[in-house]
Amino acid sequence: MMKKIQFRKTGKRNRLSLAVLMLGVVIAFGSCLKDDTGPSQISATAALNAVPGSEGLDIGLDNNQLNDRYWGEEFAYTDVLPYKNAYPGSRLARVFDPQRNVDTPPLAYATVNFVPGTFYTLYVVGYDELEIMVTEDDPSAPAEGNAKIRFIQLSPDAPSLDIVEEGEDDVLASDMEFKDVVDFFDVEAGTAHTFNILEHGSTDVVHTFDFTPENNKIYTIWVKGLFESEGDESLAFGHEVITH
């Protein structure tokens, strides 16, 4: 079982300061992206902690930490870090126990190649052993009246899964194994969609949920938790939604 880790909470003043800081980062990032050919063009990455039951992790690129614990930015299970600047090129992504010392090795690491002007998400996944996976994100807007969604299977012990929309014939995702990703596709916005998750090749629904996307929004719906959670609600099999 993973070691439980907690961060120190911060007050409203620190949270306000964090909001101001993030606004500055977003403005700076937008300015860089305006120069499509200039050498200062950068990338951006978000991050998700998908490790069931983990109460806190640190994640960084090279020697820069993505979650700023000084400002109370936690990175516990289901926490999403917003997009932050990432210099292009080959970068070393690492995940650490926050209680580490200088000699503690990372819990997981991976080399990620960032392309200028491209958006990414880093995912810390697994359970007994951790891994880092990465997706290239698509920030282009969907057609008017639509939203854009994709599915990612991040339950480490689940069998292969199918995802279907109730009342529709097409299978949205078929035979999804751990870490499989379905490309973004458009769905009608402002309408409630009922999605059913089934074991591959079966008609038995193992999880169902309703989702009403907003116009022009972009979402990642990820399968979470442990398929065999043994009644522990904090590890329960289900889903979460990231709004990009």
C-alpha atoms as a PDB file:
ATOM      1  CA  MET A   1       0.000   0.000   0.000  1.00  0.00           C
ATOM      2  CA  MET A   2       1.293   3.447  -0.886  1.00  0.00           C
ATOM      3  CA  LYS A   3       2.606   5.640   1.937  1.00  0.00           C
ATOM      4  CA  LYS A   4       0.105   8.322   2.863  1.00  0.00           C
ATOM      5  CA  ILE A   5       1.482  11.845   2.464  1.00  0.00           C
ATOM      6  CA  GLN A   6      -0.132  15.137   3.373  1.00  0.00           C
ATOM      7  CA  PHE A   7       0.764  18.766   2.715  1.00  0.00           C
ATOM      8  CA  ARG A   8       0.463  21.774   4.999  1.00  0.00           C
ATOM      9  CA  LYS A   9      -2.663  23.783   4.222  1.00  0.00           C
ATOM     10  CA  THR A  10      -2.385  27.507   3.489  1.00  0.00           C
ATOM     11  CA  GLY A  11      -4.744  30.377   4.144  1.00  0.00           C
ATOM     12  CA  LYS A  12      -6.839  32.598   1.873  1.00  0.00           C
ATOM     13  CA  ARG A  13      -4.062  35.142   1.497  1.00  0.00           C
ATOM     14  CA  ASN A  14      -1.687  32.573   0.066  1.00  0.00           C
ATOM     15  CA  ARG A  15      -4.357  31.235  -2.264  1.00  0.00           C
ATOM     16  CA  LEU A  16      -4.971  34.787  -3.527  1.00  0.00           C
ATOM     17  CA  SER A  17      -1.247  35.230  -4.105  1.00  0.00           C
ATOM     18  CA  LEU A  18      -1.169  31.957  -6.027  1.00  0.00           C
ATOM     19  CA  ALA A  19      -4.025  33.141  -8.245  1.00  0.00           C
ATOM     20  CA  VAL A  20      -2.168  36.378  -9.024  1.00  0.00           C
ATOM     21  CA  LEU A  21       1.012  34.420  -9.776  1.00  0.00           C
ATOM     22  CA  MET A  22      -0.818  32.004 -12.103  1.00  0.00           C
ATOM     23  CA  LEU A  23      -2.424  34.948 -13.927  1.00  0.00           C
ATOM     24  CA  GLY A  24       1.045  36.316 -14.580  1.00  0.00           C
ATOM     25  CA  VAL A  25       2.198  32.957 -15.917  1.00  0.00           C
ATOM     26  CA  VAL A  26      -0.791  32.729 -18.264  1.00  0.00           C
ATOM     27  CA  ILE A  27      -0.181  36.276 -19.574  1.00  0.00           C
ATOM     28  CA  ALA A  28       3.495  35.539 -20.111  1.00  0.00           C
ATOM     29  CA  PHE A  29       2.710  32.281 -21.881  1.00  0.00           C
ATOM     30  CA  GLY A  30       0.202  33.971 -24.158  1.00  0.00           C
ATOM     31  CA  SER A  31       2.793  36.586 -25.120  1.00  0.00           C
ATOM     32  CA  CYS A  32       5.294  33.874 -26.048  1.00  0.00           C
ATOM     33  CA  LEU A  33       2.816  32.030 -28.226  1.00  0.00           C
ATOM     34  CA  LYS A  34       2.169  35.151 -30.313  1.00  0.00           C
ATOM     35  CA  ASP A  35       5.638  34.796 -31.826  1.00  0.00           C
ATOM     36  CA  ASP A  36       5.111  31.669 -33.931  1.00  0.00           C
ATOM     37  CA  THR A  37       8.593  31.738 -35.439  1.00  0.00           C
ATOM     38  CA  GLY A  38      10.684  33.293 -32.706  1.00  0.00           C
ATOM     39  CA  PRO A  39      13.210  31.355 -30.616  1.00  0.00           C
ATOM     40  CA  SER A  40      11.357  32.241 -27.394  1.00  0.00           C
ATOM     41  CA  GLN A  41       8.290  30.172 -28.325  1.00  0.00           C
ATOM     42  CA  ILE A  42       7.599  27.722 -25.492  1.00  0.00           C
ATOM     43  CA  SER A  43       5.428  24.715 -24.702  1.00  0.00           C
ATOM     44  CA  ALA A  44       3.037  24.138 -21.817  1.00  0.00           C
ATOM     45  CA  THR A  45       2.186  21.133 -19.689  1.00  0.00           C
ATOM     46  CA  ALA A  46      -0.514  20.244 -17.195  1.00  0.00           C
ATOM     47  CA  ALA A  47      -0.251  17.281 -14.800  1.00  0.00           C
ATOM     48  CA  LEU A  48      -2.612  14.777 -13.157  1.00  0.00           C
ATOM     49  CA  ASN A  49      -2.056  12.513 -10.159  1.00  0.00           C
ATOM     50  CA  ALA A  50      -3.960   9.326 -11.067  1.00  0.00           C
ATOM     51  CA  VAL A  51      -2.383   7.083  -8.397  1.00  0.00           C
ATOM     52  CA  PRO A  52      -5.241   5.690  -6.257  1.00  0.00           C
ATOM     53  CA  GLY A  53      -4.924   6.650  -2.605  1.00  0.00           C
ATOM     54  CA  SER A  54      -1.838   8.852  -2.920  1.00  0.00           C
ATOM     55  CA  GLU A  55      -2.257  11.838  -0.620  1.00  0.00           C
ATOM     56  CA  GLY A  56       0.658  13.822  -1.946  1.00  0.00           C
ATOM     57  CA  LEU A  57       3.447  13.764  -4.503  1.00  0.00           C
ATOM     58  CA  ASP A  58       5.943  16.205  -5.973  1.00  0.00           C
ATOM     59  CA  ILE A  59       6.424  16.412  -9.735  1.00  0.00           C
ATOM     60  CA  GLY A  60       9.022  18.381 -11.651  1.00  0.00           C
ATOM     61  CA  LEU A  61      10.780  18.958 -14.955  1.00  0.00           C
ATOM     62  CA  ASP A  62      14.576  18.858 -14.706  1.00  0.00           C
ATOM     63  CA  ASN A  63      15.261  20.933 -11.566  1.00  0.00           C
ATOM     64  CA  ASN A  64      11.987  22.874 -11.652  1.00  0.00           C
ATOM     65  CA  GLN A  65       9.065  21.684  -9.540  1.00  0.00           C
ATOM     66  CA  LEU A  66       5.646  21.901 -11.213  1.00  0.00           C
ATOM     67  CA  ASN A  67       3.597  21.877  -8.016  1.00  0.00           C
ATOM     68  CA  ASP A  68       4.606  24.791  -5.800  1.00  0.00           C
ATOM     69  CA  ARG A  69       4.143  23.555  -2.228  1.00  0.00           C
ATOM     70  CA  TYR A  70       5.249  26.931  -0.852  1.00  0.00           C
ATOM     71  CA  TRP A  71       1.977  28.336  -2.200  1.00  0.00           C
ATOM     72  CA  GLY A  72      -0.014  25.319  -1.042  1.00  0.00           C
ATOM     73  CA  GLU A  73      -0.271  23.706  -4.470  1.00  0.00           C
ATOM     74  CA  GLU A  74      -0.942  20.075  -3.615  1.00  0.00           C
ATOM     75  CA  PHE A  75      -0.619  17.120  -5.951  1.00  0.00           C
ATOM     76  CA  ALA A  76      -2.729  14.410  -4.333  1.00  0.00           C
ATOM     77  CA  TYR A  77      -4.866  11.749  -6.002  1.00  0.00           C
ATOM     78  CA  THR A  78      -7.173  13.296  -8.684  1.00  0.00           C
ATOM     79  CA  ASP A  79      -5.439  16.707  -8.380  1.00  0.00           C
ATOM     80  CA  VAL A  80      -4.789  18.476 -11.684  1.00  0.00           C
ATOM     81  CA  LEU A  81      -2.043  21.071 -12.104  1.00  0.00           C
ATOM     82  CA  PRO A  82      -2.960  23.754 -14.678  1.00  0.00           C
ATOM     83  CA  TYR A  83      -0.856  24.375 -17.767  1.00  0.00           C
ATOM     84  CA  LYS A  84       2.543  25.835 -16.988  1.00  0.00           C
ATOM     85  CA  ASN A  85       5.472  26.913 -19.140  1.00  0.00           C
ATOM     86  CA  ALA A  86       7.797  24.175 -20.356  1.00  0.00           C
ATOM     87  CA  TYR A  87      10.887  24.990 -22.382  1.00  0.00           C
ATOM     88  CA  PRO A  88      11.070  22.986 -25.625  1.00  0.00           C
ATOM     89  CA  GLY A  89      13.380  20.041 -26.029  1.00  0.00           C
ATOM     90  CA  SER A  90      14.149  16.900 -24.066  1.00  0.00           C
ATOM     91  CA  ARG A  91      13.173  17.315 -20.407  1.00  0.00           C
ATOM     92  CA  LEU A  92      13.426  14.918 -17.472  1.00  0.00           C
ATOM     93  CA  ALA A  93      10.103  14.506 -15.662  1.00  0.00           C
ATOM     94  CA  ARG A  94      10.369  13.062 -12.155  1.00  0.00           C
ATOM     95  CA  VAL A  95       8.000  12.245  -9.304  1.00  0.00           C
ATOM     96  CA  PHE A  96       9.135  12.293  -5.663  1.00  0.00           C
ATOM     97  CA  ASP A  97       7.879  11.596  -2.172  1.00  0.00           C
ATOM     98  CA  PRO A  98       7.563  15.078  -0.559  1.00  0.00           C
ATOM     99  CA  GLN A  99       9.245  13.677   2.586  1.00  0.00           C
ATOM    100  CA  ARG A 100      12.385  12.766   0.634  1.00  0.00           C
ATOM    101  CA  ASN A 101      15.931  13.693   1.498  1.00  0.00           C
ATOM    102  CA  VAL A 102      18.756  14.503  -0.914  1.00  0.00           C
ATOM    103  CA  ASP A 103      19.585  10.825  -1.437  1.00  0.00           C
ATOM    104  CA  THR A 104      16.019   9.597  -2.052  1.00  0.00           C
ATOM    105  CA  PRO A 105      15.540   8.325  -5.628  1.00  0.00           C
ATOM    106  CA  PRO A 106      12.465   9.397  -7.623  1.00  0.00           C
ATOM    107  CA  LEU A 107       9.328   7.263  -7.490  1.00  0.00           C
ATOM    108  CA  ALA A 108       9.111   7.492 -11.285  1.00  0.00           C
ATOM    109  CA  TYR A 109      10.844   9.287 -14.118  1.00  0.00           C
ATOM    110  CA  ALA A 110      10.555   9.688 -17.883  1.00  0.00           C
ATOM    111  CA  THR A 111      12.152  11.727 -20.644  1.00  0.00           C
ATOM    112  CA  VAL A 112       9.654  13.955 -22.447  1.00  0.00           C
ATOM    113  CA  ASN A 113      10.319  15.844 -25.672  1.00  0.00           C
ATOM    114  CA  PHE A 114       8.430  19.146 -25.741  1.00  0.00           C
ATOM    115  CA  VAL A 115       7.730  20.677 -29.150  1.00  0.00           C
ATOM    116  CA  PRO A 116       7.484  24.500 -29.307  1.00  0.00           C
ATOM    117  CA  GLY A 117       3.929  25.817 -29.093  1.00  0.00           C
ATOM    118  CA  THR A 118       2.458  22.436 -28.144  1.00  0.00           C
ATOM    119  CA  PHE A 119       0.346  21.594 -25.077  1.00  0.00           C
ATOM    120  CA  TYR A 120       0.818  18.400 -23.060  1.00  0.00           C
ATOM    121  CA  THR A 121      -0.458  16.646 -19.943  1.00  0.00           C
ATOM    122  CA  LEU A 122       1.746  14.509 -17.708  1.00  0.00           C
ATOM    123  CA  TYR A 123       0.001  11.666 -15.849  1.00  0.00           C
ATOM    124  CA  VAL A 124       1.412   9.927 -12.784  1.00  0.00           C
ATOM    125  CA  VAL A 125      -0.146   6.468 -12.953  1.00  0.00           C
ATOM    126  CA  GLY A 126       0.056   3.018 -11.371  1.00  0.00           C
ATOM    127  CA  TYR A 127      -0.324   1.782  -7.811  1.00  0.00           C
ATOM    128  CA  ASP A 128       2.399  -0.446  -6.360  1.00  0.00           C
ATOM    129  CA  GLU A 129       4.824   0.907  -8.970  1.00  0.00           C
ATOM    130  CA  LEU A 130       4.467   4.374 -10.485  1.00  0.00           C
ATOM    131  CA  GLU A 131       4.980   5.535 -14.060  1.00  0.00           C
ATOM    132  CA  ILE A 132       4.782   8.828 -15.946  1.00  0.00           C
ATOM    133  CA  MET A 133       2.878   8.952 -19.210  1.00  0.00           C
ATOM    134  CA  VAL A 134       2.270  11.948 -21.462  1.00  0.00           C
ATOM    135  CA  THR A 135      -0.370  13.027 -23.962  1.00  0.00           C
ATOM    136  CA  GLU A 136      -0.189  15.742 -26.575  1.00  0.00           C
ATOM    137  CA  ASP A 137      -3.271  17.906 -26.074  1.00  0.00           C
ATOM    138  CA  ASP A 138      -5.318  19.630 -28.775  1.00  0.00           C
ATOM    139  CA  PRO A 139      -6.415  23.144 -27.739  1.00  0.00           C
ATOM    140  CA  SER A 140      -8.201  23.874 -31.034  1.00  0.00           C
ATOM    141  CA  ALA A 141     -11.856  24.765 -30.522  1.00  0.00           C
ATOM    142  CA  PRO A 142     -14.608  22.342 -31.594  1.00  0.00           C
ATOM    143  CA  ALA A 143     -17.327  23.346 -34.024  1.00  0.00           C
ATOM    144  CA  GLU A 144     -19.928  25.784 -32.717  1.00  0.00           C
ATOM    145  CA  GLY A 145     -22.556  24.016 -30.622  1.00  0.00           C
ATOM    146  CA  ASN A 146     -20.163  21.190 -29.787  1.00  0.00           C
ATOM    147  CA  ALA A 147     -17.635  20.255 -27.155  1.00  0.00           C
ATOM    148  CA  LYS A 148     -14.587  18.048 -27.574  1.00  0.00           C
ATOM    149  CA  ILE A 149     -13.835  15.057 -25.350  1.00  0.00           C
ATOM    150  CA  ARG A 150     -11.474  12.094 -25.141  1.00  0.00           C
ATOM    151  CA  PHE A 151     -11.208   9.063 -22.846  1.00  0.00           C
ATOM    152  CA  ILE A 152      -8.139   7.731 -21.012  1.00  0.00           C
ATOM    153  CA  GLN A 153      -8.050   4.435 -19.086  1.00  0.00           C
ATOM    154  CA  LEU A 154      -5.990   4.967 -15.919  1.00  0.00           C
ATOM    155  CA  SER A 155      -7.301   2.231 -13.607  1.00  0.00           C
ATOM    156  CA  PRO A 156      -4.199   0.047 -13.076  1.00  0.00           C
ATOM    157  CA  ASP A 157      -6.007  -3.217 -12.288  1.00  0.00           C
ATOM    158  CA  ALA A 158      -9.052  -2.950 -14.565  1.00  0.00           C
ATOM    159  CA  PRO A 159      -9.676  -5.440 -17.369  1.00  0.00           C
ATOM    160  CA  SER A 160     -10.002  -4.228 -20.951  1.00  0.00           C
ATOM    161  CA  LEU A 161     -12.927  -1.830 -21.173  1.00  0.00           C
ATOM    162  CA  ASP A 162     -15.442  -0.575 -23.717  1.00  0.00           C
ATOM    163  CA  ILE A 163     -17.161   2.813 -23.478  1.00  0.00           C
ATOM    164  CA  VAL A 164     -20.497   3.411 -25.171  1.00  0.00           C
ATOM    165  CA  GLU A 165     -23.077   6.171 -25.147  1.00  0.00           C
ATOM    166  CA  GLU A 166     -26.511   5.002 -24.097  1.00  0.00           C
ATOM    167  CA  GLY A 167     -28.942   5.027 -27.000  1.00  0.00           C
ATOM    168  CA  GLU A 168     -26.184   5.105 -29.635  1.00  0.00           C
ATOM    169  CA  ASP A 169     -24.887   2.216 -31.715  1.00  0.00           C
ATOM    170  CA  ASP A 170     -21.251   3.286 -32.061  1.00  0.00           C
ATOM    171  CA  VAL A 171     -18.665   2.185 -29.500  1.00  0.00           C
ATOM    172  CA  LEU A 172     -16.723   5.278 -28.420  1.00  0.00           C
ATOM    173  CA  ALA A 173     -13.786   3.292 -27.033  1.00  0.00           C
ATOM    174  CA  SER A 174     -13.100  -0.402 -27.523  1.00  0.00           C
ATOM    175  CA  ASP A 175     -10.764  -2.807 -25.719  1.00  0.00           C
ATOM    176  CA  MET A 176      -9.144  -0.046 -23.657  1.00  0.00           C
ATOM    177  CA  GLU A 177      -6.296  -1.329 -21.518  1.00  0.00           C
ATOM    178  CA  PHE A 178      -4.388   0.531 -18.814  1.00  0.00           C
ATOM    179  CA  LYS A 179      -2.887   3.782 -20.228  1.00  0.00           C
ATOM    180  CA  ASP A 180      -4.838   3.598 -23.510  1.00  0.00           C
ATOM    181  CA  VAL A 181      -6.026   6.947 -24.907  1.00  0.00           C
ATOM    182  CA  VAL A 182      -8.859   7.702 -27.350  1.00  0.00           C
ATOM    183  CA  ASP A 183      -8.369  10.742 -29.602  1.00  0.00           C
ATOM    184  CA  PHE A 184     -10.531  13.833 -29.100  1.00  0.00           C
ATOM    185  CA  PHE A 185     -13.908  13.824 -30.835  1.00  0.00           C
ATOM    186  CA  ASP A 186     -16.839  16.261 -30.967  1.00  0.00           C
ATOM    187  CA  VAL A 187     -20.076  15.788 -29.041  1.00  0.00           C
ATOM    188  CA  GLU A 188     -23.173  17.950 -28.876  1.00  0.00           C
ATOM    189  CA  ALA A 189     -22.891  20.584 -26.145  1.00  0.00           C
ATOM    190  CA  GLY A 190     -25.664  21.466 -23.714  1.00  0.00           C
ATOM    191  CA  THR A 191     -27.095  17.938 -23.904  1.00  0.00           C
ATOM    192  CA  ALA A 192     -26.843  15.259 -21.211  1.00  0.00           C
ATOM    193  CA  HIS A 193     -24.890  12.251 -22.466  1.00  0.00           C
ATOM    194  CA  THR A 194     -25.021   8.957 -20.555  1.00  0.00           C
ATOM    195  CA  PHE A 195     -21.789   7.005 -20.888  1.00  0.00           C
ATOM    196  CA  ASN A 196     -21.559   3.341 -19.900  1.00  0.00           C
ATOM    197  CA  ILE A 197     -18.280   1.558 -19.160  1.00  0.00           C
ATOM    198  CA  LEU A 198     -18.331  -2.202 -19.725  1.00  0.00           C
ATOM    199  CA  GLU A 199     -15.868  -5.024 -19.591  1.00  0.00           C
ATOM    200  CA  HIS A 200     -14.685  -5.600 -23.136  1.00  0.00           C
ATOM    201  CA  GLY A 201     -16.929  -8.030 -24.954  1.00  0.00           C
ATOM    202  CA  SER A 202     -19.548  -7.995 -22.187  1.00  0.00           C
ATOM    203  CA  THR A 203     -22.931  -6.327 -21.799  1.00  0.00           C
ATOM    204  CA  ASP A 204     -22.428  -5.858 -18.044  1.00  0.00           C
ATOM    205  CA  VAL A 205     -22.088  -2.164 -17.127  1.00  0.00           C
ATOM    206  CA  VAL A 206     -19.375  -1.671 -14.491  1.00  0.00           C
ATOM    207  CA  HIS A 207     -19.750   2.118 -14.274  1.00  0.00           C
ATOM    208  CA  THR A 208     -22.190   4.650 -15.701  1.00  0.00           C
ATOM    209  CA  PHE A 209     -22.371   8.433 -15.531  1.00  0.00           C
ATOM    210  CA  ASP A 210     -24.142  11.426 -17.046  1.00  0.00           C
ATOM    211  CA  PHE A 211     -22.136  14.268 -18.539  1.00  0.00           C
ATOM    212  CA  THR A 212     -23.367  17.572 -19.999  1.00  0.00           C
ATOM    213  CA  PRO A 213     -20.527  19.321 -21.842  1.00  0.00           C
ATOM    214  CA  GLU A 214     -20.512  23.079 -22.357  1.00  0.00           C
ATOM    215  CA  ASN A 215     -20.243  24.770 -25.726  1.00  0.00           C
ATOM    216  CA  ASN A 216     -16.659  25.061 -27.086  1.00  0.00           C
ATOM    217  CA  LYS A 217     -15.143  23.362 -24.035  1.00  0.00           C
ATOM    218  CA  ILE A 218     -12.475  20.642 -24.217  1.00  0.00           C
ATOM    219  CA  TYR A 219     -12.517  17.701 -21.789  1.00  0.00           C
ATOM    220  CA  THR A 220     -10.532  14.614 -20.884  1.00  0.00           C
ATOM    221  CA  ILE A 221     -12.619  11.940 -19.127  1.00  0.00           C
ATOM    222  CA  TRP A 222     -10.368   9.477 -17.334  1.00  0.00           C
ATOM    223  CA  VAL A 223     -11.179   6.129 -15.765  1.00  0.00           C
ATOM    224  CA  LYS A 224      -9.922   6.114 -12.184  1.00  0.00           C
ATOM    225  CA  GLY A 225      -9.459   3.971  -9.089  1.00  0.00           C
ATOM    226  CA  LEU A 226      -9.075   0.256  -8.555  1.00  0.00           C
ATOM    227  CA  PHE A 227     -11.426  -2.205 -10.218  1.00  0.00           C
ATOM    228  CA  GLU A 228     -11.057  -4.387  -7.114  1.00  0.00           C
ATOM    229  CA  SER A 229     -11.214  -1.701  -4.425  1.00  0.00           C
ATOM    230  CA  GLU A 230     -12.617  -4.039  -1.753  1.00  0.00           C
ATOM    231  CA  GLY A 231     -15.168  -1.507  -0.544  1.00  0.00           C
ATOM    232  CA  ASP A 232     -12.648   1.320   0.042  1.00  0.00           C
ATOM    233  CA  GLU A 233     -14.502   4.356  -1.292  1.00  0.00           C
ATOM    234  CA  SER A 234     -11.296   6.392  -1.605  1.00  0.00           C
ATOM    235  CA  LEU A 235     -10.014   3.839  -4.145  1.00  0.00           C
ATOM    236  CA  ALA A 236     -13.344   3.220  -5.878  1.00  0.00           C
ATOM    237  CA  PHE A 237     -13.501   2.536  -9.604  1.00  0.00           C
ATOM    238  CA  GLY A 238     -15.110   5.401 -11.509  1.00  0.00           C
ATOM    239  CA  HIS A 239     -14.258   8.475 -13.554  1.00  0.00           C
ATOM    240  CA  GLU A 240     -13.103  12.088 -13.300  1.00  0.00           C
ATOM    241  CA  VAL A 241     -13.224  14.967 -15.786  1.00  0.00           C
ATOM    242  CA  ILE A 242     -10.439  17.395 -16.712  1.00  0.00           C
ATOM    243  CA  THR A 243     -11.459  20.676 -18.350  1.00  0.00           C
ATOM    244  CA  HIS A 244      -8.636  21.949 -20.550  1.00  0.00           C
END
